[in-house]
Amino acid sequence: MNTRARRIAVTLAATAVLPLALSACSGSGDKDGDSGKPSASGKASASASASRNGGDMGGSAMEQPFGSACAAVPKNGAGSFDGMAKDPVATAASHNPALSTLVSAVKKAGLVDTLNNAQNITVFAPTNDAFNKIPKATLDKVLNDKAELTKILTYHVVGKKLMPADLANGSFETLEKSKLTTSGSGESYTVNDSAKVACGNVSTANARVYIVDSVLMPKS
């Protein structure tokens, strides 16, 4: 091959290789090396997007408990949010000292197994202070009347899981068979226009719990 022919061959080879090299360079700009993982800038964008949508890639902030009383929940152990999420609702409530009167009432009414075995329910759980708003003589009478106690406690249970957004303007049939109403937005919700949600959106193994500051009474 003469000199002129060699030069033409070299030029053609370079022309064929150049697009491949450019393609490889273009691809490396979107990945960290050749591992196929998103670049650091891509991760940052995804993180920022997730943050704008209320949480990280693992879950929305709306899935987290909210309310002033949530600060009193232990950080660790069976009574913590993580601990309660592992137990059915009556058992989970027994680990929370602020719900000891409710737990005692549930036991008196024989509803522990009923609540623990139910699936996908919502419980509006009155605190000890909520029960203390009821005159002692009246409370003692109710606690010793199983039929009436059962009626009141089952009025605090809805047969489906309610997310915070569901409470904005809701009307729900309870296990007692009459309805309760909810209203509010953000992290401020009211049940039956009187009971305030003190710590809401608490997960247990079979229920969503909203801790309230007043005992709910069925109308009938």
N, C-alpha and C. Protein backbone atom coordinates (compact mmCIF):
# COMPACT_ATOMS: atom_id res chain seq x y z
N MET A 1 0.86 -1.20 0.00
CA MET A 1 0.00 0.00 0.00
C MET A 1 0.90 1.24 0.00
N ASN A 2 0.62 2.23 -0.91
CA ASN A 2 1.43 3.45 -0.96
C ASN A 2 1.06 4.40 0.17
N THR A 3 1.82 5.47 0.29
CA THR A 3 1.62 6.43 1.39
C THR A 3 0.25 7.04 1.36
N ARG A 4 -0.23 7.41 0.19
CA ARG A 4 -1.55 8.06 0.07
C ARG A 4 -2.66 7.11 0.54
N ALA A 5 -2.54 5.83 0.17
CA ALA A 5 -3.56 4.85 0.54
C ALA A 5 -3.58 4.65 2.06
N ARG A 6 -2.37 4.62 2.66
CA ARG A 6 -2.30 4.43 4.12
C ARG A 6 -3.02 5.58 4.84
N ARG A 7 -2.78 6.85 4.35
CA ARG A 7 -3.41 8.01 4.99
C ARG A 7 -4.92 7.92 4.90
N ILE A 8 -5.47 7.50 3.79
CA ILE A 8 -6.93 7.38 3.62
C ILE A 8 -7.49 6.34 4.59
N ALA A 9 -6.77 5.22 4.73
CA ALA A 9 -7.23 4.15 5.63
C ALA A 9 -7.27 4.61 7.08
N VAL A 10 -6.21 5.33 7.50
CA VAL A 10 -6.15 5.84 8.87
C VAL A 10 -7.29 6.82 9.13
N THR A 11 -7.55 7.70 8.14
CA THR A 11 -8.62 8.69 8.29
C THR A 11 -9.97 8.01 8.43
N LEU A 12 -10.26 6.98 7.64
CA LEU A 12 -11.53 6.26 7.70
C LEU A 12 -11.69 5.55 9.05
N ALA A 13 -10.61 4.98 9.57
CA ALA A 13 -10.67 4.29 10.86
C ALA A 13 -10.98 5.26 11.99
N ALA A 14 -10.35 6.44 11.95
CA ALA A 14 -10.59 7.45 12.99
C ALA A 14 -12.03 7.94 12.94
N THR A 15 -12.54 8.07 11.71
CA THR A 15 -13.92 8.54 11.54
C THR A 15 -14.91 7.54 12.12
N ALA A 16 -14.60 6.24 12.00
CA ALA A 16 -15.48 5.20 12.52
C ALA A 16 -15.44 5.13 14.04
N VAL A 17 -14.28 5.38 14.65
CA VAL A 17 -14.11 5.27 16.09
C VAL A 17 -14.67 6.48 16.82
N LEU A 18 -14.64 7.66 16.23
CA LEU A 18 -15.00 8.90 16.91
C LEU A 18 -16.43 8.89 17.46
N PRO A 19 -17.47 8.46 16.71
CA PRO A 19 -18.82 8.45 17.27
C PRO A 19 -18.94 7.55 18.48
N LEU A 20 -18.21 6.43 18.47
CA LEU A 20 -18.25 5.52 19.61
C LEU A 20 -17.66 6.18 20.85
N ALA A 21 -16.57 6.89 20.68
CA ALA A 21 -15.92 7.58 21.80
C ALA A 21 -16.82 8.67 22.36
N LEU A 22 -17.49 9.43 21.48
CA LEU A 22 -18.39 10.49 21.91
C LEU A 22 -19.59 9.91 22.67
N SER A 23 -20.08 8.78 22.18
CA SER A 23 -21.21 8.13 22.82
C SER A 23 -20.84 7.70 24.23
N ALA A 24 -19.64 7.13 24.41
CA ALA A 24 -19.18 6.68 25.72
C ALA A 24 -19.04 7.85 26.67
N CYS A 25 -18.50 8.96 26.17
CA CYS A 25 -18.32 10.15 27.02
C CYS A 25 -19.67 10.70 27.45
N SER A 26 -20.62 10.71 26.50
CA SER A 26 -21.95 11.22 26.81
C SER A 26 -22.61 10.39 27.90
N GLY A 27 -22.47 9.06 27.82
CA GLY A 27 -23.06 8.17 28.82
C GLY A 27 -22.44 8.36 30.18
N SER A 28 -21.14 8.61 30.25
CA SER A 28 -20.48 8.73 31.55
C SER A 28 -20.90 9.96 32.30
N GLY A 29 -21.48 10.95 31.60
CA GLY A 29 -21.92 12.17 32.28
C GLY A 29 -23.14 11.93 33.14
N ASP A 30 -23.92 10.83 32.89
CA ASP A 30 -25.13 10.57 33.63
C ASP A 30 -24.96 9.50 34.69
N LYS A 31 -23.81 8.87 34.77
CA LYS A 31 -23.61 7.78 35.71
C LYS A 31 -22.32 8.01 36.50
N ASP A 32 -22.21 7.40 37.66
CA ASP A 32 -20.96 7.38 38.39
C ASP A 32 -20.12 6.24 37.84
N GLY A 33 -19.16 6.58 36.95
CA GLY A 33 -18.37 5.55 36.30
C GLY A 33 -19.27 4.74 35.40
N ASP A 34 -19.07 3.42 35.34
CA ASP A 34 -19.90 2.57 34.50
C ASP A 34 -20.75 1.63 35.35
N SER A 35 -21.02 1.98 36.62
CA SER A 35 -21.75 1.09 37.51
C SER A 35 -23.24 1.14 37.29
N GLY A 36 -23.74 2.17 36.56
CA GLY A 36 -25.17 2.30 36.33
C GLY A 36 -25.89 3.02 37.45
N LYS A 37 -25.17 3.48 38.48
CA LYS A 37 -25.79 4.19 39.60
C LYS A 37 -25.97 5.66 39.24
N PRO A 38 -27.04 6.31 39.77
CA PRO A 38 -27.23 7.73 39.49
C PRO A 38 -26.05 8.54 40.00
N SER A 39 -25.77 9.63 39.33
CA SER A 39 -24.69 10.51 39.75
C SER A 39 -25.07 11.22 41.03
N ALA A 40 -24.06 11.86 41.65
CA ALA A 40 -24.32 12.58 42.89
C ALA A 40 -25.34 13.67 42.68
N SER A 41 -25.26 14.37 41.54
CA SER A 41 -26.22 15.44 41.28
C SER A 41 -27.61 14.86 41.10
N GLY A 42 -27.70 13.66 40.48
CA GLY A 42 -29.00 13.02 40.30
C GLY A 42 -29.61 12.64 41.63
N LYS A 43 -28.77 12.11 42.55
CA LYS A 43 -29.25 11.76 43.88
C LYS A 43 -29.76 12.99 44.61
N ALA A 44 -29.04 14.09 44.49
CA ALA A 44 -29.43 15.32 45.18
C ALA A 44 -30.77 15.80 44.67
N SER A 45 -30.98 15.72 43.35
CA SER A 45 -32.25 16.16 42.77
C SER A 45 -33.38 15.29 43.27
N ALA A 46 -33.16 13.99 43.31
CA ALA A 46 -34.20 13.07 43.79
C ALA A 46 -34.52 13.34 45.24
N SER A 47 -33.47 13.60 46.04
CA SER A 47 -33.68 13.88 47.45
C SER A 47 -34.46 15.16 47.65
N ALA A 48 -34.12 16.19 46.87
CA ALA A 48 -34.82 17.47 46.98
C ALA A 48 -36.27 17.31 46.59
N SER A 49 -36.51 16.52 45.52
CA SER A 49 -37.88 16.29 45.09
C SER A 49 -38.68 15.58 46.16
N ALA A 50 -38.06 14.57 46.78
CA ALA A 50 -38.74 13.82 47.84
C ALA A 50 -39.03 14.72 49.02
N SER A 51 -38.08 15.61 49.34
CA SER A 51 -38.28 16.52 50.46
C SER A 51 -39.46 17.44 50.22
N ARG A 52 -39.60 17.93 48.97
CA ARG A 52 -40.72 18.79 48.64
C ARG A 52 -42.04 18.06 48.77
N ASN A 53 -42.01 16.75 48.56
CA ASN A 53 -43.23 15.97 48.62
C ASN A 53 -43.51 15.42 50.01
N GLY A 54 -42.79 15.89 51.02
CA GLY A 54 -43.13 15.59 52.40
C GLY A 54 -42.33 14.50 53.06
N GLY A 55 -41.19 14.08 52.50
CA GLY A 55 -40.41 13.06 53.17
C GLY A 55 -39.35 12.51 52.27
N ASP A 56 -38.64 11.46 52.74
CA ASP A 56 -37.61 10.86 51.93
C ASP A 56 -38.23 9.81 51.03
N MET A 57 -37.36 9.09 50.31
CA MET A 57 -37.86 8.12 49.36
C MET A 57 -38.59 6.98 50.05
N GLY A 58 -38.38 6.81 51.35
CA GLY A 58 -38.96 5.69 52.06
C GLY A 58 -40.39 5.91 52.51
N GLY A 59 -40.87 7.16 52.60
CA GLY A 59 -42.23 7.38 53.05
C GLY A 59 -42.54 8.84 53.23
N SER A 60 -43.80 9.18 53.14
CA SER A 60 -44.24 10.56 53.24
C SER A 60 -44.31 11.00 54.69
N ALA A 61 -44.13 12.31 54.90
CA ALA A 61 -44.25 12.84 56.25
C ALA A 61 -45.68 12.65 56.77
N MET A 62 -46.66 12.56 55.86
CA MET A 62 -48.03 12.36 56.27
C MET A 62 -48.25 10.97 56.87
N GLU A 63 -47.29 10.09 56.72
CA GLU A 63 -47.40 8.77 57.33
C GLU A 63 -46.90 8.78 58.77
N GLN A 64 -46.37 9.91 59.23
CA GLN A 64 -45.79 9.99 60.56
C GLN A 64 -46.82 10.51 61.57
N PRO A 65 -46.68 10.12 62.85
CA PRO A 65 -47.57 10.66 63.89
C PRO A 65 -47.40 12.17 64.02
N PHE A 66 -48.46 12.85 64.43
CA PHE A 66 -48.41 14.30 64.60
C PHE A 66 -49.23 14.71 65.81
N GLY A 67 -48.93 15.89 66.34
CA GLY A 67 -49.69 16.43 67.46
C GLY A 67 -48.82 16.68 68.67
N SER A 68 -49.21 17.63 69.51
CA SER A 68 -48.41 18.04 70.66
C SER A 68 -48.17 16.90 71.65
N ALA A 69 -49.14 16.01 71.83
CA ALA A 69 -48.99 14.94 72.81
C ALA A 69 -48.04 13.84 72.34
N CYS A 70 -47.68 13.85 71.08
CA CYS A 70 -46.76 12.82 70.58
C CYS A 70 -45.39 12.93 71.22
N ALA A 71 -45.05 14.13 71.70
CA ALA A 71 -43.73 14.32 72.30
C ALA A 71 -43.56 13.49 73.57
N ALA A 72 -44.67 13.12 74.21
CA ALA A 72 -44.60 12.36 75.45
C ALA A 72 -44.42 10.86 75.22
N VAL A 73 -44.53 10.43 73.97
CA VAL A 73 -44.38 9.00 73.66
C VAL A 73 -42.91 8.61 73.76
N PRO A 74 -42.60 7.51 74.43
CA PRO A 74 -41.20 7.09 74.57
C PRO A 74 -40.52 6.93 73.21
N LYS A 75 -39.23 7.19 73.18
CA LYS A 75 -38.47 7.09 71.94
C LYS A 75 -38.13 5.64 71.60
N ASN A 76 -38.05 4.81 72.61
CA ASN A 76 -37.66 3.41 72.40
C ASN A 76 -38.56 2.48 73.20
N GLY A 77 -38.51 1.20 72.87
CA GLY A 77 -39.25 0.21 73.62
C GLY A 77 -40.64 -0.06 73.08
N ALA A 78 -41.39 -0.90 73.80
CA ALA A 78 -42.71 -1.32 73.34
C ALA A 78 -43.69 -0.16 73.25
N GLY A 79 -43.49 0.89 74.07
CA GLY A 79 -44.39 2.03 74.06
C GLY A 79 -44.04 3.10 73.06
N SER A 80 -42.95 2.92 72.32
CA SER A 80 -42.57 3.88 71.29
C SER A 80 -43.42 3.67 70.05
N PHE A 81 -43.34 4.60 69.10
CA PHE A 81 -44.11 4.44 67.87
C PHE A 81 -43.71 3.17 67.12
N ASP A 82 -42.41 2.91 67.07
CA ASP A 82 -41.93 1.70 66.40
C ASP A 82 -42.41 0.45 67.14
N GLY A 83 -42.39 0.52 68.46
CA GLY A 83 -42.83 -0.63 69.26
C GLY A 83 -44.32 -0.90 69.08
N MET A 84 -45.13 0.16 69.12
CA MET A 84 -46.58 0.00 68.98
C MET A 84 -46.96 -0.54 67.61
N ALA A 85 -46.17 -0.20 66.61
CA ALA A 85 -46.47 -0.66 65.25
C ALA A 85 -46.36 -2.18 65.12
N LYS A 86 -45.69 -2.82 66.07
CA LYS A 86 -45.50 -4.27 66.00
C LYS A 86 -46.62 -5.04 66.70
N ASP A 87 -47.42 -4.36 67.53
CA ASP A 87 -48.45 -5.04 68.33
C ASP A 87 -49.84 -4.66 67.86
N PRO A 88 -50.83 -5.57 68.05
CA PRO A 88 -52.22 -5.21 67.77
C PRO A 88 -52.67 -4.11 68.73
N VAL A 89 -53.75 -3.43 68.41
CA VAL A 89 -54.05 -2.15 69.02
C VAL A 89 -54.26 -2.19 70.53
N ALA A 90 -55.00 -3.18 71.06
CA ALA A 90 -55.22 -3.21 72.51
C ALA A 90 -53.92 -3.46 73.27
N THR A 91 -53.08 -4.32 72.71
CA THR A 91 -51.78 -4.58 73.33
C THR A 91 -50.89 -3.35 73.24
N ALA A 92 -50.88 -2.70 72.09
CA ALA A 92 -50.07 -1.49 71.91
C ALA A 92 -50.49 -0.40 72.89
N ALA A 93 -51.80 -0.23 73.09
CA ALA A 93 -52.29 0.80 74.01
C ALA A 93 -51.85 0.51 75.44
N SER A 94 -51.73 -0.77 75.79
CA SER A 94 -51.34 -1.13 77.16
C SER A 94 -49.92 -0.70 77.50
N HIS A 95 -49.12 -0.40 76.46
CA HIS A 95 -47.74 0.05 76.69
C HIS A 95 -47.65 1.56 76.86
N ASN A 96 -48.78 2.26 76.72
CA ASN A 96 -48.80 3.72 76.82
C ASN A 96 -49.45 4.12 78.14
N PRO A 97 -48.68 4.64 79.11
CA PRO A 97 -49.24 4.99 80.43
C PRO A 97 -50.39 5.99 80.35
N ALA A 98 -50.41 6.84 79.33
CA ALA A 98 -51.47 7.85 79.19
C ALA A 98 -52.80 7.24 78.80
N LEU A 99 -52.80 5.94 78.44
CA LEU A 99 -54.04 5.28 78.01
C LEU A 99 -54.46 4.18 78.99
N SER A 100 -53.95 4.23 80.22
CA SER A 100 -54.20 3.13 81.16
C SER A 100 -55.68 3.00 81.53
N THR A 101 -56.41 4.11 81.65
CA THR A 101 -57.84 4.04 81.96
C THR A 101 -58.60 3.38 80.82
N LEU A 102 -58.25 3.76 79.59
CA LEU A 102 -58.88 3.14 78.42
C LEU A 102 -58.61 1.65 78.38
N VAL A 103 -57.38 1.26 78.64
CA VAL A 103 -57.02 -0.16 78.61
C VAL A 103 -57.81 -0.92 79.68
N SER A 104 -57.94 -0.32 80.87
CA SER A 104 -58.72 -0.95 81.94
C SER A 104 -60.17 -1.11 81.53
N ALA A 105 -60.72 -0.10 80.87
CA ALA A 105 -62.11 -0.16 80.42
C ALA A 105 -62.30 -1.23 79.36
N VAL A 106 -61.35 -1.33 78.44
CA VAL A 106 -61.42 -2.35 77.38
C VAL A 106 -61.40 -3.74 77.99
N LYS A 107 -60.59 -3.93 79.02
CA LYS A 107 -60.53 -5.24 79.70
C LYS A 107 -61.85 -5.54 80.41
N LYS A 108 -62.42 -4.53 81.10
CA LYS A 108 -63.69 -4.72 81.79
C LYS A 108 -64.80 -5.10 80.83
N ALA A 109 -64.77 -4.52 79.64
CA ALA A 109 -65.82 -4.79 78.65
C ALA A 109 -65.56 -6.08 77.88
N GLY A 110 -64.41 -6.71 78.10
CA GLY A 110 -64.09 -7.95 77.40
C GLY A 110 -63.82 -7.74 75.92
N LEU A 111 -63.23 -6.59 75.58
CA LEU A 111 -63.02 -6.25 74.16
C LEU A 111 -61.57 -6.40 73.69
N VAL A 112 -60.69 -6.91 74.54
CA VAL A 112 -59.28 -7.02 74.16
C VAL A 112 -59.11 -7.86 72.91
N ASP A 113 -59.67 -9.06 72.91
CA ASP A 113 -59.52 -9.94 71.76
C ASP A 113 -60.23 -9.38 70.53
N THR A 114 -61.39 -8.76 70.75
CA THR A 114 -62.14 -8.17 69.63
C THR A 114 -61.30 -7.13 68.91
N LEU A 115 -60.67 -6.25 69.66
CA LEU A 115 -59.86 -5.19 69.07
C LEU A 115 -58.56 -5.74 68.48
N ASN A 116 -57.94 -6.66 69.19
CA ASN A 116 -56.66 -7.21 68.71
C ASN A 116 -56.82 -8.05 67.44
N ASN A 117 -57.98 -8.68 67.28
CA ASN A 117 -58.18 -9.56 66.13
C ASN A 117 -58.82 -8.86 64.94
N ALA A 118 -59.32 -7.65 65.14
CA ALA A 118 -59.91 -6.90 64.03
C ALA A 118 -58.80 -6.48 63.05
N GLN A 119 -59.18 -6.24 61.81
CA GLN A 119 -58.21 -5.84 60.81
C GLN A 119 -58.58 -4.48 60.21
N ASN A 120 -57.55 -3.65 60.02
CA ASN A 120 -57.71 -2.37 59.33
C ASN A 120 -58.81 -1.50 59.95
N ILE A 121 -58.67 -1.23 61.24
CA ILE A 121 -59.63 -0.39 61.94
C ILE A 121 -58.96 0.93 62.35
N THR A 122 -59.81 1.87 62.77
CA THR A 122 -59.31 3.12 63.34
C THR A 122 -59.88 3.26 64.74
N VAL A 123 -59.03 3.59 65.70
CA VAL A 123 -59.45 3.75 67.09
C VAL A 123 -59.18 5.19 67.53
N PHE A 124 -60.22 5.84 68.03
CA PHE A 124 -60.06 7.15 68.66
C PHE A 124 -59.91 6.87 70.15
N ALA A 125 -58.70 7.05 70.65
CA ALA A 125 -58.35 6.58 72.00
C ALA A 125 -58.30 7.74 73.00
N PRO A 126 -59.24 7.79 73.94
CA PRO A 126 -59.23 8.87 74.94
C PRO A 126 -58.09 8.67 75.96
N THR A 127 -57.46 9.75 76.32
CA THR A 127 -56.40 9.71 77.32
C THR A 127 -57.00 9.57 78.73
N ASN A 128 -56.14 9.33 79.71
CA ASN A 128 -56.58 9.30 81.11
C ASN A 128 -57.23 10.63 81.48
N ASP A 129 -56.65 11.74 81.02
CA ASP A 129 -57.21 13.07 81.32
C ASP A 129 -58.60 13.22 80.72
N ALA A 130 -58.83 12.58 79.57
CA ALA A 130 -60.15 12.63 78.94
C ALA A 130 -61.18 11.95 79.84
N PHE A 131 -60.83 10.80 80.40
CA PHE A 131 -61.75 10.12 81.32
C PHE A 131 -61.94 10.92 82.60
N ASN A 132 -60.90 11.63 83.02
CA ASN A 132 -61.00 12.42 84.25
C ASN A 132 -61.95 13.61 84.12
N LYS A 133 -62.31 13.96 82.90
CA LYS A 133 -63.29 15.04 82.70
C LYS A 133 -64.70 14.59 83.08
N ILE A 134 -64.92 13.29 83.11
CA ILE A 134 -66.22 12.74 83.47
C ILE A 134 -66.32 12.69 84.99
N PRO A 135 -67.42 13.17 85.59
CA PRO A 135 -67.57 13.10 87.05
C PRO A 135 -67.32 11.67 87.54
N LYS A 136 -66.62 11.55 88.65
CA LYS A 136 -66.19 10.23 89.13
C LYS A 136 -67.37 9.27 89.33
N ALA A 137 -68.46 9.76 89.91
CA ALA A 137 -69.61 8.89 90.15
C ALA A 137 -70.15 8.34 88.83
N THR A 138 -70.21 9.20 87.81
CA THR A 138 -70.70 8.78 86.49
C THR A 138 -69.75 7.78 85.86
N LEU A 139 -68.45 8.06 85.96
CA LEU A 139 -67.44 7.17 85.37
C LEU A 139 -67.47 5.80 86.04
N ASP A 140 -67.54 5.80 87.37
CA ASP A 140 -67.58 4.53 88.10
C ASP A 140 -68.80 3.72 87.69
N LYS A 141 -69.93 4.40 87.51
CA LYS A 141 -71.16 3.70 87.11
C LYS A 141 -71.01 3.07 85.73
N VAL A 142 -70.40 3.82 84.81
CA VAL A 142 -70.21 3.32 83.45
C VAL A 142 -69.24 2.13 83.45
N LEU A 143 -68.15 2.26 84.19
CA LEU A 143 -67.14 1.20 84.23
C LEU A 143 -67.68 -0.11 84.80
N ASN A 144 -68.76 0.00 85.56
CA ASN A 144 -69.35 -1.19 86.16
C ASN A 144 -70.63 -1.65 85.45
N ASP A 145 -70.92 -1.04 84.32
CA ASP A 145 -72.06 -1.44 83.50
C ASP A 145 -71.51 -1.92 82.16
N LYS A 146 -71.33 -3.23 82.03
CA LYS A 146 -70.64 -3.78 80.86
C LYS A 146 -71.33 -3.40 79.56
N ALA A 147 -72.63 -3.44 79.52
CA ALA A 147 -73.36 -3.13 78.29
C ALA A 147 -73.14 -1.67 77.87
N GLU A 148 -73.25 -0.78 78.83
CA GLU A 148 -73.07 0.64 78.52
C GLU A 148 -71.61 0.94 78.17
N LEU A 149 -70.71 0.31 78.89
CA LEU A 149 -69.28 0.50 78.63
C LEU A 149 -68.93 0.01 77.22
N THR A 150 -69.45 -1.14 76.85
CA THR A 150 -69.21 -1.69 75.51
C THR A 150 -69.74 -0.74 74.44
N LYS A 151 -70.92 -0.20 74.69
CA LYS A 151 -71.53 0.74 73.75
C LYS A 151 -70.64 1.96 73.53
N ILE A 152 -70.11 2.51 74.63
CA ILE A 152 -69.26 3.70 74.54
C ILE A 152 -67.93 3.37 73.86
N LEU A 153 -67.31 2.29 74.25
CA LEU A 153 -66.00 1.95 73.68
C LEU A 153 -66.08 1.63 72.20
N THR A 154 -67.09 0.89 71.79
CA THR A 154 -67.20 0.54 70.37
C THR A 154 -67.56 1.76 69.52
N TYR A 155 -68.08 2.81 70.17
CA TYR A 155 -68.34 4.05 69.46
C TYR A 155 -67.04 4.75 69.07
N HIS A 156 -65.95 4.37 69.71
CA HIS A 156 -64.64 4.97 69.41
C HIS A 156 -63.90 4.24 68.29
N VAL A 157 -64.54 3.25 67.67
CA VAL A 157 -63.87 2.41 66.67
C VAL A 157 -64.60 2.48 65.34
N VAL A 158 -63.83 2.75 64.28
CA VAL A 158 -64.36 2.77 62.91
C VAL A 158 -63.79 1.56 62.18
N GLY A 159 -64.59 0.92 61.38
CA GLY A 159 -64.19 -0.34 60.76
C GLY A 159 -63.32 -0.23 59.53
N LYS A 160 -62.57 0.82 59.40
CA LYS A 160 -61.59 0.96 58.32
C LYS A 160 -60.50 1.90 58.77
N LYS A 161 -59.34 1.80 58.13
CA LYS A 161 -58.23 2.69 58.48
C LYS A 161 -58.44 4.06 57.87
N LEU A 162 -58.37 5.07 58.71
CA LEU A 162 -58.54 6.45 58.26
C LEU A 162 -57.21 7.19 58.31
N MET A 163 -56.84 7.77 57.17
CA MET A 163 -55.66 8.61 57.11
C MET A 163 -56.04 10.03 57.50
N PRO A 164 -55.07 10.87 57.87
CA PRO A 164 -55.40 12.25 58.26
C PRO A 164 -56.27 12.97 57.24
N ALA A 165 -55.99 12.78 55.96
CA ALA A 165 -56.78 13.46 54.93
C ALA A 165 -58.25 13.06 54.98
N ASP A 166 -58.53 11.85 55.45
CA ASP A 166 -59.91 11.39 55.55
C ASP A 166 -60.70 12.13 56.62
N LEU A 167 -59.98 12.74 57.57
CA LEU A 167 -60.63 13.40 58.70
C LEU A 167 -61.04 14.84 58.39
N ALA A 168 -60.66 15.34 57.24
CA ALA A 168 -60.88 16.76 56.92
C ALA A 168 -62.35 17.14 57.04
N ASN A 169 -63.21 16.30 56.54
CA ASN A 169 -64.66 16.57 56.62
C ASN A 169 -65.36 15.23 56.49
N GLY A 170 -65.30 14.43 57.56
CA GLY A 170 -65.76 13.06 57.46
C GLY A 170 -66.93 12.71 58.36
N SER A 171 -67.63 11.66 57.95
CA SER A 171 -68.70 11.08 58.75
C SER A 171 -68.56 9.57 58.62
N PHE A 172 -68.36 8.88 59.75
CA PHE A 172 -68.02 7.46 59.69
C PHE A 172 -68.89 6.64 60.65
N GLU A 173 -69.33 5.49 60.17
CA GLU A 173 -70.09 4.59 61.02
C GLU A 173 -69.13 3.86 61.95
N THR A 174 -69.48 3.79 63.20
CA THR A 174 -68.64 3.14 64.20
C THR A 174 -69.09 1.69 64.41
N LEU A 175 -68.31 0.93 65.17
CA LEU A 175 -68.71 -0.43 65.48
C LEU A 175 -69.95 -0.46 66.37
N GLU A 176 -70.23 0.65 67.02
CA GLU A 176 -71.44 0.76 67.84
C GLU A 176 -72.68 0.97 66.96
N LYS A 177 -72.44 1.27 65.67
CA LYS A 177 -73.48 1.40 64.63
C LYS A 177 -74.02 2.81 64.43
N SER A 178 -73.63 3.76 65.29
CA SER A 178 -73.99 5.14 65.00
C SER A 178 -72.76 5.85 64.46
N LYS A 179 -72.94 7.09 64.00
CA LYS A 179 -71.85 7.77 63.31
C LYS A 179 -71.17 8.82 64.18
N LEU A 180 -69.87 9.03 63.88
CA LEU A 180 -69.14 10.16 64.45
C LEU A 180 -68.65 11.01 63.28
N THR A 181 -68.37 12.27 63.56
CA THR A 181 -67.93 13.18 62.52
C THR A 181 -66.55 13.72 62.84
N THR A 182 -65.81 14.08 61.82
CA THR A 182 -64.47 14.65 61.99
C THR A 182 -64.32 15.87 61.11
N SER A 183 -63.45 16.77 61.52
CA SER A 183 -63.17 17.95 60.71
C SER A 183 -61.78 18.46 61.05
N GLY A 184 -61.23 19.28 60.16
CA GLY A 184 -59.92 19.88 60.40
C GLY A 184 -59.01 19.79 59.21
N SER A 185 -57.74 20.11 59.42
CA SER A 185 -56.75 20.06 58.35
C SER A 185 -55.36 20.08 58.96
N GLY A 186 -54.36 19.77 58.12
CA GLY A 186 -52.98 19.82 58.58
C GLY A 186 -52.73 18.88 59.73
N GLU A 187 -52.44 19.45 60.90
CA GLU A 187 -52.22 18.65 62.10
C GLU A 187 -53.23 19.01 63.19
N SER A 188 -54.37 19.58 62.79
CA SER A 188 -55.40 19.99 63.75
C SER A 188 -56.74 19.39 63.34
N TYR A 189 -57.23 18.43 64.13
CA TYR A 189 -58.48 17.76 63.82
C TYR A 189 -59.35 17.65 65.07
N THR A 190 -60.66 17.67 64.84
CA THR A 190 -61.65 17.58 65.90
C THR A 190 -62.63 16.46 65.59
N VAL A 191 -63.03 15.74 66.62
CA VAL A 191 -64.02 14.68 66.46
C VAL A 191 -65.30 15.11 67.17
N ASN A 192 -66.44 15.00 66.45
CA ASN A 192 -67.74 15.41 66.99
C ASN A 192 -67.74 16.86 67.50
N ASP A 193 -66.96 17.70 66.84
CA ASP A 193 -66.91 19.13 67.16
C ASP A 193 -66.48 19.43 68.60
N SER A 194 -65.88 18.45 69.28
CA SER A 194 -65.50 18.69 70.68
C SER A 194 -64.16 18.08 71.06
N ALA A 195 -63.94 16.84 70.73
CA ALA A 195 -62.69 16.16 71.12
C ALA A 195 -61.57 16.51 70.15
N LYS A 196 -60.46 16.96 70.68
CA LYS A 196 -59.31 17.32 69.86
C LYS A 196 -58.36 16.13 69.71
N VAL A 197 -57.79 15.97 68.53
CA VAL A 197 -56.78 14.93 68.33
C VAL A 197 -55.47 15.45 68.92
N ALA A 198 -55.00 14.81 69.98
CA ALA A 198 -53.78 15.25 70.66
C ALA A 198 -52.53 14.63 70.05
N CYS A 199 -52.66 13.41 69.55
CA CYS A 199 -51.56 12.72 68.86
C CYS A 199 -52.20 11.78 67.85
N GLY A 200 -52.02 12.09 66.58
CA GLY A 200 -52.73 11.33 65.56
C GLY A 200 -51.84 10.55 64.63
N ASN A 201 -52.49 9.66 63.87
CA ASN A 201 -51.81 8.88 62.84
C ASN A 201 -50.78 7.92 63.41
N VAL A 202 -51.12 7.31 64.54
CA VAL A 202 -50.24 6.33 65.19
C VAL A 202 -50.58 4.94 64.64
N SER A 203 -49.57 4.24 64.18
CA SER A 203 -49.79 2.92 63.59
C SER A 203 -49.60 1.81 64.61
N THR A 204 -50.51 0.83 64.59
CA THR A 204 -50.30 -0.43 65.29
C THR A 204 -50.38 -1.53 64.24
N ALA A 205 -50.21 -2.76 64.66
CA ALA A 205 -50.17 -3.85 63.69
C ALA A 205 -51.46 -4.00 62.92
N ASN A 206 -52.59 -3.59 63.51
CA ASN A 206 -53.87 -3.78 62.83
C ASN A 206 -54.76 -2.54 62.81
N ALA A 207 -54.23 -1.41 63.27
CA ALA A 207 -55.10 -0.24 63.38
C ALA A 207 -54.34 1.07 63.20
N ARG A 208 -55.11 2.11 62.92
CA ARG A 208 -54.62 3.49 62.95
C ARG A 208 -55.24 4.13 64.18
N VAL A 209 -54.43 4.80 65.00
CA VAL A 209 -54.91 5.34 66.27
C VAL A 209 -54.80 6.86 66.27
N TYR A 210 -55.87 7.51 66.76
CA TYR A 210 -55.87 8.95 66.98
C TYR A 210 -56.20 9.16 68.46
N ILE A 211 -55.23 9.63 69.23
CA ILE A 211 -55.42 9.84 70.66
C ILE A 211 -56.16 11.17 70.85
N VAL A 212 -57.28 11.13 71.57
CA VAL A 212 -58.13 12.33 71.71
C VAL A 212 -58.23 12.76 73.17
N ASP A 213 -58.60 14.04 73.36
CA ASP A 213 -58.60 14.61 74.72
C ASP A 213 -59.94 14.57 75.41
N SER A 214 -60.93 13.93 74.79
CA SER A 214 -62.26 13.79 75.41
C SER A 214 -62.85 12.43 75.05
N VAL A 215 -63.68 11.91 75.95
CA VAL A 215 -64.38 10.66 75.67
C VAL A 215 -65.55 10.96 74.74
N LEU A 216 -65.70 10.17 73.70
CA LEU A 216 -66.79 10.35 72.75
C LEU A 216 -68.04 9.61 73.24
N MET A 217 -69.19 10.26 73.19
CA MET A 217 -70.41 9.64 73.66
C MET A 217 -71.40 9.47 72.51
N PRO A 218 -71.89 8.26 72.28
CA PRO A 218 -72.90 8.06 71.24
C PRO A 218 -74.19 8.83 71.60
N LYS A 219 -74.89 9.29 70.59
CA LYS A 219 -76.07 10.12 70.85
C LYS A 219 -77.24 9.33 71.42
N SER A 220 -77.37 8.10 70.99
CA SER A 220 -78.52 7.30 71.44
C SER A 220 -78.19 6.52 72.71
